[in-house]
Amino acid sequence: MLQAGFVAVSSDCDEAEDEVIALAQQVEDAMMLPFIIFADANGAYLDGYSGVVTPPYLIKKLNEHSAS
């Protein structure tokens, strides 16, 4: 599902790019790694969360954003 409908990008949190930091700062209640951030094709923040999540929750989020 990720490969078919999304572009996955990873970033080193110790040396993150300014654009990544700006997106991560928009994650509400961000407390721990990893961060998963959804952005549109222009890089605008859509949604995000932090911490470990269950596969069903990740699939739910992917389904919510697959039409974005």
N, C-alpha and C. Protein backbone atom coordinates (compact mmCIF):
# COMPACT_ATOMS: atom_id res chain seq x y z
N MET A 1 0.83 -1.20 0.00
CA MET A 1 0.00 0.00 0.00
C MET A 1 0.87 1.26 0.00
N LEU A 2 1.92 1.25 0.80
CA LEU A 2 2.82 2.40 0.82
C LEU A 2 3.48 2.62 -0.53
N GLN A 3 3.98 1.56 -1.12
CA GLN A 3 4.68 1.67 -2.40
C GLN A 3 3.75 2.10 -3.52
N ALA A 4 2.50 1.69 -3.47
CA ALA A 4 1.57 1.99 -4.55
C ALA A 4 1.03 3.42 -4.51
N GLY A 5 0.88 3.98 -3.31
CA GLY A 5 0.19 5.27 -3.25
C GLY A 5 0.90 6.39 -2.53
N PHE A 6 2.11 6.14 -2.03
CA PHE A 6 2.79 7.15 -1.24
C PHE A 6 4.26 7.20 -1.60
N VAL A 7 4.89 8.31 -1.26
CA VAL A 7 6.33 8.43 -1.37
C VAL A 7 6.87 8.49 0.05
N ALA A 8 7.63 7.47 0.42
CA ALA A 8 8.19 7.42 1.77
C ALA A 8 9.53 8.13 1.78
N VAL A 9 9.72 8.97 2.78
CA VAL A 9 10.96 9.71 2.94
C VAL A 9 11.41 9.53 4.37
N SER A 10 12.68 9.25 4.56
CA SER A 10 13.19 9.18 5.93
C SER A 10 14.16 10.34 6.13
N SER A 11 14.29 10.73 7.38
CA SER A 11 15.17 11.85 7.69
C SER A 11 15.87 11.55 9.01
N ASP A 12 17.13 11.91 9.10
CA ASP A 12 17.90 11.77 10.33
C ASP A 12 17.47 12.89 11.28
N CYS A 13 16.92 12.51 12.40
CA CYS A 13 16.40 13.52 13.34
C CYS A 13 17.50 14.38 13.95
N ASP A 14 18.71 13.86 14.00
CA ASP A 14 19.80 14.66 14.56
C ASP A 14 20.28 15.74 13.59
N GLU A 15 20.05 15.51 12.30
CA GLU A 15 20.48 16.46 11.29
C GLU A 15 19.37 16.67 10.27
N ALA A 16 18.16 16.85 10.74
CA ALA A 16 17.01 16.98 9.85
C ALA A 16 17.04 18.28 9.06
N GLU A 17 16.48 18.21 7.86
CA GLU A 17 16.37 19.39 7.02
C GLU A 17 15.32 20.33 7.62
N ASP A 18 15.43 21.61 7.31
CA ASP A 18 14.50 22.60 7.86
C ASP A 18 13.05 22.27 7.51
N GLU A 19 12.81 21.76 6.29
CA GLU A 19 11.45 21.42 5.87
C GLU A 19 10.88 20.29 6.71
N VAL A 20 11.71 19.32 7.05
CA VAL A 20 11.27 18.19 7.88
C VAL A 20 10.95 18.67 9.29
N ILE A 21 11.79 19.50 9.83
CA ILE A 21 11.54 20.05 11.17
C ILE A 21 10.24 20.83 11.20
N ALA A 22 9.99 21.64 10.17
CA ALA A 22 8.75 22.42 10.11
C ALA A 22 7.53 21.51 10.08
N LEU A 23 7.59 20.40 9.34
CA LEU A 23 6.48 19.45 9.31
C LEU A 23 6.32 18.76 10.65
N ALA A 24 7.42 18.30 11.25
CA ALA A 24 7.35 17.59 12.53
C ALA A 24 6.79 18.46 13.64
N GLN A 25 7.05 19.75 13.60
CA GLN A 25 6.55 20.66 14.63
C GLN A 25 5.03 20.79 14.58
N GLN A 26 4.41 20.35 13.51
CA GLN A 26 2.95 20.43 13.39
C GLN A 26 2.25 19.18 13.92
N VAL A 27 3.02 18.15 14.27
CA VAL A 27 2.42 16.93 14.82
C VAL A 27 1.97 17.21 16.24
N GLU A 28 0.67 17.14 16.47
CA GLU A 28 0.11 17.42 17.78
C GLU A 28 0.54 16.36 18.78
N ASP A 29 0.92 16.77 19.96
CA ASP A 29 1.35 15.86 21.03
C ASP A 29 2.55 15.01 20.64
N ALA A 30 3.43 15.54 19.82
CA ALA A 30 4.61 14.79 19.41
C ALA A 30 5.52 14.61 20.61
N MET A 31 5.72 13.35 20.98
CA MET A 31 6.50 13.07 22.17
C MET A 31 7.69 12.15 21.91
N MET A 32 7.60 11.29 20.89
CA MET A 32 8.66 10.31 20.69
C MET A 32 8.77 9.91 19.23
N LEU A 33 9.90 9.31 18.92
CA LEU A 33 10.12 8.79 17.58
C LEU A 33 9.45 7.43 17.46
N PRO A 34 9.07 7.00 16.31
CA PRO A 34 9.20 7.71 15.04
C PRO A 34 8.06 8.70 14.83
N PHE A 35 8.27 9.63 13.93
CA PHE A 35 7.20 10.51 13.46
C PHE A 35 6.74 9.98 12.11
N ILE A 36 5.46 9.93 11.92
CA ILE A 36 4.91 9.66 10.60
C ILE A 36 4.10 10.88 10.22
N ILE A 37 4.47 11.47 9.09
CA ILE A 37 3.87 12.72 8.65
C ILE A 37 3.32 12.53 7.25
N PHE A 38 2.10 12.99 7.05
CA PHE A 38 1.50 12.98 5.71
C PHE A 38 1.51 14.42 5.20
N ALA A 39 2.04 14.58 3.99
CA ALA A 39 2.08 15.89 3.34
C ALA A 39 1.56 15.73 1.93
N ASP A 40 1.06 16.83 1.36
CA ASP A 40 0.59 16.76 -0.02
C ASP A 40 1.76 16.88 -0.99
N ALA A 41 1.47 16.87 -2.26
CA ALA A 41 2.51 16.91 -3.29
C ALA A 41 3.37 18.18 -3.22
N ASN A 42 2.84 19.22 -2.61
CA ASN A 42 3.58 20.47 -2.47
C ASN A 42 4.34 20.57 -1.15
N GLY A 43 4.25 19.51 -0.32
CA GLY A 43 4.94 19.50 0.96
C GLY A 43 4.17 20.11 2.10
N ALA A 44 2.90 20.45 1.88
CA ALA A 44 2.08 21.03 2.95
C ALA A 44 1.59 19.93 3.89
N TYR A 45 1.67 20.18 5.18
CA TYR A 45 1.27 19.23 6.21
C TYR A 45 -0.20 18.87 6.09
N LEU A 46 -0.51 17.58 6.17
CA LEU A 46 -1.89 17.10 6.18
C LEU A 46 -2.26 16.48 7.52
N ASP A 47 -1.37 15.64 8.05
CA ASP A 47 -1.67 14.88 9.26
C ASP A 47 -0.37 14.25 9.74
N GLY A 48 -0.34 13.83 10.98
CA GLY A 48 0.84 13.15 11.48
C GLY A 48 0.65 12.64 12.89
N TYR A 49 1.53 11.77 13.30
CA TYR A 49 1.51 11.25 14.66
C TYR A 49 2.91 10.78 15.01
N SER A 50 3.13 10.54 16.29
CA SER A 50 4.44 10.09 16.73
C SER A 50 4.30 8.85 17.59
N GLY A 51 5.38 8.13 17.70
CA GLY A 51 5.40 6.92 18.50
C GLY A 51 5.04 5.69 17.70
N VAL A 52 5.18 4.56 18.34
CA VAL A 52 4.91 3.28 17.69
C VAL A 52 3.40 3.08 17.61
N VAL A 53 2.93 2.61 16.48
CA VAL A 53 1.50 2.35 16.29
C VAL A 53 1.30 0.93 15.79
N THR A 54 0.10 0.45 15.92
CA THR A 54 -0.22 -0.89 15.45
C THR A 54 -0.42 -0.88 13.94
N PRO A 55 -0.19 -2.01 13.29
CA PRO A 55 -0.45 -2.08 11.84
C PRO A 55 -1.88 -1.68 11.46
N PRO A 56 -2.92 -2.09 12.21
CA PRO A 56 -4.27 -1.65 11.82
C PRO A 56 -4.43 -0.12 11.83
N TYR A 57 -3.79 0.56 12.79
CA TYR A 57 -3.89 2.01 12.84
C TYR A 57 -3.17 2.64 11.65
N LEU A 58 -2.00 2.11 11.31
CA LEU A 58 -1.28 2.63 10.15
C LEU A 58 -2.09 2.42 8.88
N ILE A 59 -2.68 1.26 8.72
CA ILE A 59 -3.51 0.99 7.54
C ILE A 59 -4.69 1.95 7.49
N LYS A 60 -5.30 2.23 8.64
CA LYS A 60 -6.41 3.18 8.69
C LYS A 60 -5.96 4.56 8.19
N LYS A 61 -4.81 5.00 8.68
CA LYS A 61 -4.29 6.32 8.25
C LYS A 61 -3.95 6.32 6.78
N LEU A 62 -3.36 5.25 6.27
CA LEU A 62 -3.04 5.17 4.85
C LEU A 62 -4.30 5.24 4.02
N ASN A 63 -5.34 4.55 4.45
CA ASN A 63 -6.62 4.61 3.73
C ASN A 63 -7.21 6.02 3.75
N GLU A 64 -7.11 6.71 4.88
CA GLU A 64 -7.63 8.07 4.99
C GLU A 64 -6.92 9.01 4.01
N HIS A 65 -5.63 8.79 3.80
CA HIS A 65 -4.86 9.72 2.98
C HIS A 65 -4.61 9.23 1.57
N SER A 66 -5.08 8.06 1.24
CA SER A 66 -4.83 7.54 -0.11
C SER A 66 -5.54 8.35 -1.19
N ALA A 67 -6.60 9.05 -0.82
CA ALA A 67 -7.34 9.87 -1.79
C ALA A 67 -6.83 11.31 -1.81
N SER A 68 -5.91 11.63 -0.90
CA SER A 68 -5.43 13.02 -0.79
C SER A 68 -4.56 13.41 -1.95
